[in-house]
């Protein structure tokens, strides 16, 4: 069964989500399509009810359909039975969605939330584009890549069929982030941080990272009397209540007039490009979107890959920047308050190294990646007519 192309006026169906790391590249491609003349109403998203796309996509001005399902764990569990059932139902609903909306092309950014839309494109014979921005492709993308017309990849070594190296898509707000002196001052105003202190940003991804959170609060405790440092701690939505309670118990918070550590705690940072432009150093996980944004903006970093990530892809992502001298790799097991204090103190004492790291990071950026994927989507859709 083949739906009649685009009679509903839909050009692209963007499939995928779950975490912000999956949603942001999809939004970047959507924004690029709009910049190329496609109305926002002709670009629709499909993702998971459990994912951050539920809020991020409407905030960006696009329509989103949310399907059931959650990620499948890599071991036998009772929870996986429900996950498989939800995935099957989501695939059925996605087929009906594609049949009804009749997009000219489906673009998947992977993740468990990307599989239903990809499967529907294959079943309904709608041209499919796979977007893979990790150094090692995820399971969902590897499953459907053989059916894709093109695979847009960040690295030539990815090895997917019919691949085109585009770089990792980043949003327009990331591309326009400014790390000049005036730009960084403006960015600090956006996130509510005063000038004059070394700004250390800590983030474990949109959902948070327990190890990084624990080490961050321990570091803040050790630095409680420092008046030359600001810690901006993005704890993740699922960890913010616990982190807030611990920080409050330790008396941590924004500094008033005079001395003491300036500590800011948030669950999710909506102005992440501003934070990356403003900070002197970022400590974070090594998700593909984070690595891409660090390169696009030129931010020095300490990267703590997620242990147990499929195919150790976060370590491979981190190596893109560490190989350039743009980042320092810190294993999760070594991510303690004591080790962070040693590492950050050494970098604070060596501003020339931070400048060199920032310059090296900027060489890894692909500001036009989203536009390249959008152009690829147009060419695939045109060829399928």
Protein backbone atom coordinates (compact mmCIF):
# COMPACT_ATOMS: atom_id res chain seq x y z
CA UNK A 1 0.00 0.00 0.00
CA UNK A 2 1.46 3.35 -1.03
CA UNK A 3 -0.11 6.62 0.16
CA UNK A 4 -0.53 9.43 -2.32
CA UNK A 5 2.42 11.76 -1.67
CA UNK A 6 1.85 14.98 0.19
CA UNK A 7 -1.83 15.48 -0.63
CA UNK A 8 -2.34 16.50 3.01
CA UNK A 9 0.25 19.21 2.48
CA UNK A 10 2.76 17.50 4.76
CA UNK A 11 6.32 17.57 3.48
CA UNK A 12 8.25 15.85 6.26
CA UNK A 13 7.43 13.67 9.21
CA UNK A 14 10.20 13.87 11.82
CA UNK A 15 10.42 10.66 13.84
CA UNK A 16 12.26 10.25 17.13
CA UNK A 17 12.78 11.67 20.56
CA UNK A 18 12.90 10.51 24.14
CA UNK A 19 15.71 12.71 25.44
CA UNK A 20 16.63 16.25 24.49
CA UNK A 21 19.67 14.78 22.77
CA UNK A 22 17.35 13.18 20.22
CA UNK A 23 14.76 15.96 20.05
CA UNK A 24 17.14 18.87 19.44
CA UNK A 25 18.66 17.48 16.19
CA UNK A 26 15.16 16.80 14.89
CA UNK A 27 14.15 20.36 15.71
CA UNK A 28 17.31 21.63 14.04
CA UNK A 29 16.31 19.88 10.81
CA UNK A 30 12.76 21.21 11.12
CA UNK A 31 14.08 24.76 11.54
CA UNK A 32 16.33 24.29 8.50
CA UNK A 33 13.38 23.16 6.39
CA UNK A 34 11.43 26.24 7.47
CA UNK A 35 14.40 28.43 6.54
CA UNK A 36 14.37 26.76 3.10
CA UNK A 37 10.76 27.84 2.53
CA UNK A 38 8.63 25.05 4.00
CA UNK A 39 5.80 26.23 6.23
CA UNK A 40 5.98 24.95 9.83
CA UNK A 41 2.55 23.37 9.32
CA UNK A 42 4.05 21.06 6.66
CA UNK A 43 6.54 19.58 9.12
CA UNK A 44 5.11 17.28 11.77
CA UNK A 45 6.80 15.30 14.52
CA UNK A 46 6.03 11.91 15.99
CA UNK A 47 7.58 10.68 19.22
CA UNK A 48 6.95 9.12 22.60
CA UNK A 49 4.53 10.18 25.32
CA UNK A 50 7.36 9.69 27.79
CA UNK A 51 9.85 11.83 25.89
CA UNK A 52 10.82 15.48 26.09
CA UNK A 53 9.33 16.05 22.65
CA UNK A 54 5.98 16.47 24.42
CA UNK A 55 7.10 19.93 25.54
CA UNK A 56 10.08 20.86 23.36
CA UNK A 57 8.37 20.38 19.98
CA UNK A 58 5.27 22.54 20.66
CA UNK A 59 7.49 25.20 22.21
CA UNK A 60 9.38 25.31 18.90
CA UNK A 61 6.13 25.87 16.99
CA UNK A 62 5.67 22.43 15.43
CA UNK A 63 2.90 19.85 15.66
CA UNK A 64 3.69 16.59 17.44
CA UNK A 65 1.88 13.26 17.76
CA UNK A 66 2.82 11.27 20.85
CA UNK A 67 2.73 7.48 20.79
CA UNK A 68 3.03 4.88 23.58
CA UNK A 69 6.26 3.07 24.30
CA UNK A 70 9.51 3.29 26.21
CA UNK A 71 13.06 2.11 25.81
CA UNK A 72 13.85 -1.60 25.96
CA UNK A 73 16.51 -2.57 28.47
CA UNK A 74 19.43 -4.71 27.37
CA UNK A 75 18.55 -7.59 29.70
CA UNK A 76 15.57 -9.82 30.34
CA UNK A 77 13.08 -8.03 32.59
CA UNK A 78 9.34 -8.10 33.11
CA UNK A 79 9.28 -4.40 32.23
CA UNK A 80 10.54 -5.29 28.76
CA UNK A 81 7.34 -7.20 28.04
CA UNK A 82 5.37 -3.99 28.46
CA UNK A 83 7.97 -2.07 26.48
CA UNK A 84 7.72 -4.49 23.54
CA UNK A 85 3.92 -4.34 23.66
CA UNK A 86 3.97 -0.56 23.70
CA UNK A 87 6.41 -0.49 20.79
CA UNK A 88 4.20 -2.78 18.71
CA UNK A 89 1.16 -0.61 19.41
CA UNK A 90 3.15 2.51 18.56
CA UNK A 91 4.19 0.99 15.22
CA UNK A 92 0.57 0.23 14.33
CA UNK A 93 -0.50 3.76 15.25
CA UNK A 94 2.40 5.20 13.27
CA UNK A 95 1.30 3.29 10.15
CA UNK A 96 -2.17 4.82 10.45
CA UNK A 97 -0.61 8.24 11.01
CA UNK A 98 1.57 8.02 7.89
CA UNK A 99 -1.35 6.69 5.84
CA UNK A 100 -3.51 9.60 6.96
CA UNK A 101 -0.99 12.44 6.77
CA UNK A 102 0.88 11.16 3.67
CA UNK A 103 4.24 12.91 4.11
CA UNK A 104 6.59 13.11 1.16
CA UNK A 105 9.52 12.02 3.30
CA UNK A 106 10.13 10.59 6.79
CA UNK A 107 13.27 11.63 8.67
CA UNK A 108 14.25 9.59 11.72
CA UNK A 109 16.75 10.72 14.33
CA UNK A 110 16.74 7.34 16.04
CA UNK A 111 16.13 6.25 19.61
CA UNK A 112 13.27 4.05 20.76
CA UNK A 113 10.86 6.86 19.84
CA UNK A 114 12.15 6.90 16.27
CA UNK A 115 11.44 3.26 15.44
CA UNK A 116 7.64 3.43 14.96
CA UNK A 117 7.84 6.27 12.43
CA UNK A 118 10.66 4.51 10.59
CA UNK A 119 8.73 1.24 10.47
CA UNK A 120 5.66 3.06 9.18
CA UNK A 121 7.70 4.71 6.41
CA UNK A 122 9.06 1.32 5.33
CA UNK A 123 5.63 -0.34 5.36
CA UNK A 124 3.92 2.54 3.56
CA UNK A 125 6.81 2.94 1.09
CA UNK A 126 7.49 6.55 2.00
CA UNK A 127 11.12 7.64 1.38
CA UNK A 128 13.09 7.35 4.62
CA UNK A 129 16.17 9.29 5.71
CA UNK A 130 18.13 8.08 8.73
CA UNK A 131 20.05 10.72 10.69
CA UNK A 132 22.89 9.28 12.79
CA UNK A 133 24.97 11.74 14.80
CA UNK A 134 26.67 9.34 17.23
CA UNK A 135 30.12 8.01 16.39
CA UNK A 136 28.54 4.54 16.66
CA UNK A 137 24.99 4.20 15.22
CA UNK A 138 22.22 3.32 17.66
CA UNK A 139 20.27 0.08 17.46
CA UNK A 140 17.15 1.69 16.01
CA UNK A 141 19.07 3.38 13.20
CA UNK A 142 21.05 0.25 12.39
CA UNK A 143 17.82 -1.74 12.11
CA UNK A 144 16.18 0.56 9.57
CA UNK A 145 19.21 1.97 7.73
CA UNK A 146 19.15 -0.75 5.06
CA UNK A 147 15.69 0.50 4.00
CA UNK A 148 16.62 4.18 3.91
CA UNK A 149 17.12 6.14 0.71
CA UNK A 150 19.96 8.03 2.42
CA UNK A 151 21.70 8.02 5.79
CA UNK A 152 22.91 11.43 6.98
CA UNK A 153 25.85 10.79 9.32
CA UNK A 154 28.20 12.88 11.42
CA UNK A 155 31.27 10.73 10.77
CA UNK A 156 32.50 8.90 7.69
CA UNK A 157 33.45 5.96 9.92
CA UNK A 158 29.80 5.39 10.88
CA UNK A 159 29.48 2.80 8.12
CA UNK A 160 25.75 2.96 7.35
CA UNK A 161 24.56 2.14 3.81
CA UNK A 162 24.00 5.01 1.37
CA UNK A 163 25.52 7.42 3.84
CA UNK A 164 26.20 11.11 3.27
CA UNK A 165 28.49 12.91 5.71
CA UNK A 166 26.62 16.02 6.85
CA UNK A 167 27.85 16.53 10.41
CA UNK A 168 25.53 16.51 13.41
CA UNK A 169 22.54 18.89 13.12
CA UNK A 170 22.40 21.68 15.68
CA UNK A 171 19.71 24.31 16.15
CA UNK A 172 19.97 27.88 14.90
CA UNK A 173 20.32 29.16 18.48
CA UNK A 174 23.47 27.05 18.80
CA UNK A 175 24.94 28.28 15.52
CA UNK A 176 24.33 31.90 16.52
CA UNK A 177 25.81 31.54 20.03
CA UNK A 178 28.60 34.08 20.54
CA UNK A 179 31.70 33.47 22.70
CA UNK A 180 33.19 36.90 22.11
CA UNK A 181 33.63 39.03 25.24
CA UNK A 182 30.40 40.92 24.61
CA UNK A 183 28.58 37.76 23.56
CA UNK A 184 29.58 35.92 26.71
CA UNK A 185 28.48 38.84 28.87
CA UNK A 186 25.08 38.86 27.15
CA UNK A 187 24.81 35.08 27.59
CA UNK A 188 25.49 35.39 31.32
CA UNK A 189 22.68 37.91 31.58
CA UNK A 190 20.31 35.45 29.89
CA UNK A 191 21.06 32.67 32.38
CA UNK A 192 21.17 35.04 35.35
CA UNK A 193 24.85 34.80 36.25
CA UNK A 194 27.05 37.76 37.13
CA UNK A 195 30.36 38.50 35.43
CA UNK A 196 33.69 38.46 37.20
CA UNK A 197 33.86 34.81 38.29
CA UNK A 198 35.06 31.65 36.61
CA UNK A 199 31.88 29.97 35.37
CA UNK A 200 31.87 26.17 35.67
CA UNK A 201 28.83 24.51 34.08
CA UNK A 202 27.85 20.97 35.04
CA UNK A 203 25.27 18.94 33.11
CA UNK A 204 24.45 15.26 32.85
CA UNK A 205 22.03 15.41 29.93
CA UNK A 206 18.36 16.32 29.92
CA UNK A 207 17.47 13.50 32.32
CA UNK A 208 20.48 14.02 34.58
CA UNK A 209 23.39 11.89 35.74
CA UNK A 210 23.62 10.72 39.34
CA UNK A 211 27.42 10.43 39.38
CA UNK A 212 27.96 13.94 38.01
CA UNK A 213 25.33 15.39 40.36
CA UNK A 214 26.93 13.80 43.41
CA UNK A 215 30.40 14.98 42.41
CA UNK A 216 29.12 18.48 41.64
CA UNK A 217 27.47 18.96 45.00
CA UNK A 218 30.57 17.56 46.71
CA UNK A 219 32.71 20.03 44.78
CA UNK A 220 30.38 22.89 45.69
CA UNK A 221 30.66 21.91 49.35
CA UNK A 222 34.46 21.93 49.13
CA UNK A 223 34.39 25.33 47.41
CA UNK A 224 31.77 26.91 49.69
CA UNK A 225 34.09 29.76 50.67
CA UNK A 226 35.38 30.56 47.17
CA UNK A 227 34.38 33.95 45.86
CA UNK A 228 35.98 33.58 42.43
CA UNK A 229 33.84 30.72 41.06
CA UNK A 230 30.25 30.22 39.92
CA UNK A 231 28.89 26.68 39.56
CA UNK A 232 25.89 26.37 37.27
CA UNK A 233 24.48 22.91 37.94
CA UNK A 234 21.95 21.37 35.53
CA UNK A 235 20.85 18.35 37.56
CA UNK A 236 18.20 16.88 35.22
CA UNK A 237 14.44 16.83 35.68
CA UNK A 238 14.31 13.46 37.42
CA UNK A 239 17.01 14.45 39.93
CA UNK A 240 16.15 18.05 40.68
CA UNK A 241 14.07 17.41 43.82
CA UNK A 242 16.76 15.29 45.47
CA UNK A 243 19.57 17.61 44.39
CA UNK A 244 17.68 20.66 45.65
CA UNK A 245 17.17 19.05 49.08
CA UNK A 246 20.85 18.17 49.39
CA UNK A 247 22.03 21.59 48.23
CA UNK A 248 19.65 23.34 50.60
CA UNK A 249 20.88 21.21 53.48
CA UNK A 250 24.45 22.30 52.71
CA UNK A 251 23.46 25.95 52.47
CA UNK A 252 24.37 26.18 48.78
CA UNK A 253 22.81 28.87 46.64
CA UNK A 254 23.41 32.04 44.63
CA UNK A 255 25.93 34.36 46.26
CA UNK A 256 24.76 37.69 47.51
CA UNK A 257 26.98 40.69 48.00
CA UNK A 258 30.49 39.74 49.08
CA UNK A 259 32.14 36.36 49.42
CA UNK A 260 31.12 32.76 49.10
CA UNK A 261 30.48 30.34 46.27
CA UNK A 262 27.89 31.37 43.68
CA UNK A 263 25.85 28.18 43.10
CA UNK A 264 22.91 27.92 40.69
CA UNK A 265 20.80 24.76 40.42
CA UNK A 266 18.23 23.99 37.70
CA UNK A 267 16.54 20.83 36.47
CA UNK A 268 16.57 21.53 32.74
CA UNK A 269 18.27 24.44 31.02
CA UNK A 270 16.13 25.87 28.22
CA UNK A 271 18.90 28.28 27.23
CA UNK A 272 21.65 25.70 26.83
CA UNK A 273 23.36 27.54 23.94
CA UNK A 274 23.64 30.60 26.18
CA UNK A 275 25.13 28.48 28.97
CA UNK A 276 27.69 26.98 26.58
CA UNK A 277 28.58 30.43 25.30
CA UNK A 278 28.84 31.89 28.81
CA UNK A 279 30.77 29.21 30.68
CA UNK A 280 34.53 28.92 30.96
CA UNK A 281 34.31 25.12 31.18
CA UNK A 282 31.58 22.50 30.85
CA UNK A 283 31.58 19.14 32.61
CA UNK A 284 29.02 16.78 31.11
CA UNK A 285 28.12 13.45 29.58
CA UNK A 286 29.26 12.88 26.00
CA UNK A 287 26.00 12.56 24.13
CA UNK A 288 26.25 13.25 20.42
CA UNK A 289 24.16 16.42 20.60
CA UNK A 290 26.29 17.78 23.42
CA UNK A 291 29.51 17.07 21.51
CA UNK A 292 28.06 18.68 18.38
CA UNK A 293 27.02 21.79 20.30
CA UNK A 294 30.42 22.09 21.98
CA UNK A 295 32.01 22.04 18.53
CA UNK A 296 29.56 24.50 17.00
CA UNK A 297 30.05 27.01 19.83
CA UNK A 298 33.68 26.30 20.70
CA UNK A 299 33.38 25.45 24.40
CA UNK A 300 36.14 23.65 26.33
CA UNK A 301 34.93 20.65 28.27
CA UNK A 302 35.54 17.69 30.53
CA UNK A 303 33.50 14.76 29.19
CA UNK A 304 32.31 11.89 31.38
CA UNK A 305 30.93 9.16 29.08
CA UNK A 306 27.90 7.24 30.27
CA UNK A 307 29.10 3.79 31.39
CA UNK A 308 27.26 0.94 29.73
CA UNK A 309 26.07 3.07 26.81
CA UNK A 310 25.33 0.87 23.78
CA UNK A 311 28.58 0.08 21.94
CA UNK A 312 30.30 2.55 24.29
CA UNK A 313 29.21 5.25 21.85
CA UNK A 314 29.66 8.12 24.33
CA UNK A 315 33.36 7.34 24.67
CA UNK A 316 33.65 7.32 20.88
CA UNK A 317 31.80 10.66 20.79
CA UNK A 318 34.13 12.14 23.40
CA UNK A 319 37.18 11.01 21.48
CA UNK A 320 36.19 13.32 18.63
CA UNK A 321 36.98 16.29 20.89
CA UNK A 322 39.72 14.79 23.05
CA UNK A 323 41.60 13.84 19.89
CA UNK A 324 41.67 17.53 18.95
CA UNK A 325 42.77 18.66 22.40
CA UNK A 326 39.38 20.33 22.89
CA UNK A 327 38.25 18.22 25.85
CA UNK A 328 39.50 16.11 28.73
CA UNK A 329 38.14 12.57 29.11
CA UNK A 330 37.15 11.55 32.64
CA UNK A 331 35.83 8.06 33.27
CA UNK A 332 32.60 7.82 35.24
CA UNK A 333 34.26 5.74 37.97
CA UNK A 334 36.79 8.54 38.49
CA UNK A 335 34.21 11.34 38.58
CA UNK A 336 34.43 12.32 42.24
CA UNK A 337 34.41 15.70 43.97
CA UNK A 338 38.10 15.30 44.79
CA UNK A 339 39.09 14.47 41.21
CA UNK A 340 36.96 17.28 39.79
CA UNK A 341 38.53 19.75 42.19
CA UNK A 342 42.03 18.71 41.11
CA UNK A 343 41.15 18.81 37.43
CA UNK A 344 39.24 22.09 37.40
CA UNK A 345 41.80 23.83 39.62
CA UNK A 346 44.53 22.86 37.16
CA UNK A 347 42.53 24.30 34.27
CA UNK A 348 41.65 27.50 36.13
CA UNK A 349 45.37 27.96 36.74
CA UNK A 350 46.11 27.54 33.02
CA UNK A 351 43.88 29.98 31.09
CA UNK A 352 46.02 29.59 27.98
CA UNK A 353 45.08 25.92 27.85
CA UNK A 354 41.38 26.78 28.09
CA UNK A 355 41.75 29.21 25.18
CA UNK A 356 43.50 26.52 23.14
CA UNK A 357 40.78 23.98 24.02
CA UNK A 358 38.07 26.40 22.91
CA UNK A 359 39.83 27.05 19.60
CA UNK A 360 40.26 23.31 19.01
CA UNK A 361 36.59 22.65 19.80
CA UNK A 362 35.49 25.20 17.22
CA UNK A 363 37.28 23.26 14.48
CA UNK A 364 34.92 20.30 15.08
CA UNK A 365 31.73 22.26 14.46
CA UNK A 366 29.38 21.77 11.49
CA UNK A 367 27.19 24.86 11.47
CA UNK A 368 25.53 23.87 8.18
CA UNK A 369 24.73 20.25 9.10
CA UNK A 370 20.99 20.80 9.60
CA UNK A 371 20.72 22.59 6.26
CA UNK A 372 22.56 19.73 4.54
CA UNK A 373 20.09 17.21 5.97
CA UNK A 374 17.17 19.43 4.93
CA UNK A 375 18.58 19.65 1.40
CA UNK A 376 18.97 15.87 1.37
CA UNK A 377 15.34 15.46 2.41
CA UNK A 378 14.24 17.70 -0.44
CA UNK A 379 16.28 15.81 -3.02
CA UNK A 380 15.00 12.43 -1.81
CA UNK A 381 11.39 13.65 -1.83
CA UNK A 382 11.81 15.11 -5.34
CA UNK A 383 13.33 11.88 -6.68
CA UNK A 384 10.40 9.86 -5.27
CA UNK A 385 7.73 11.79 -7.16
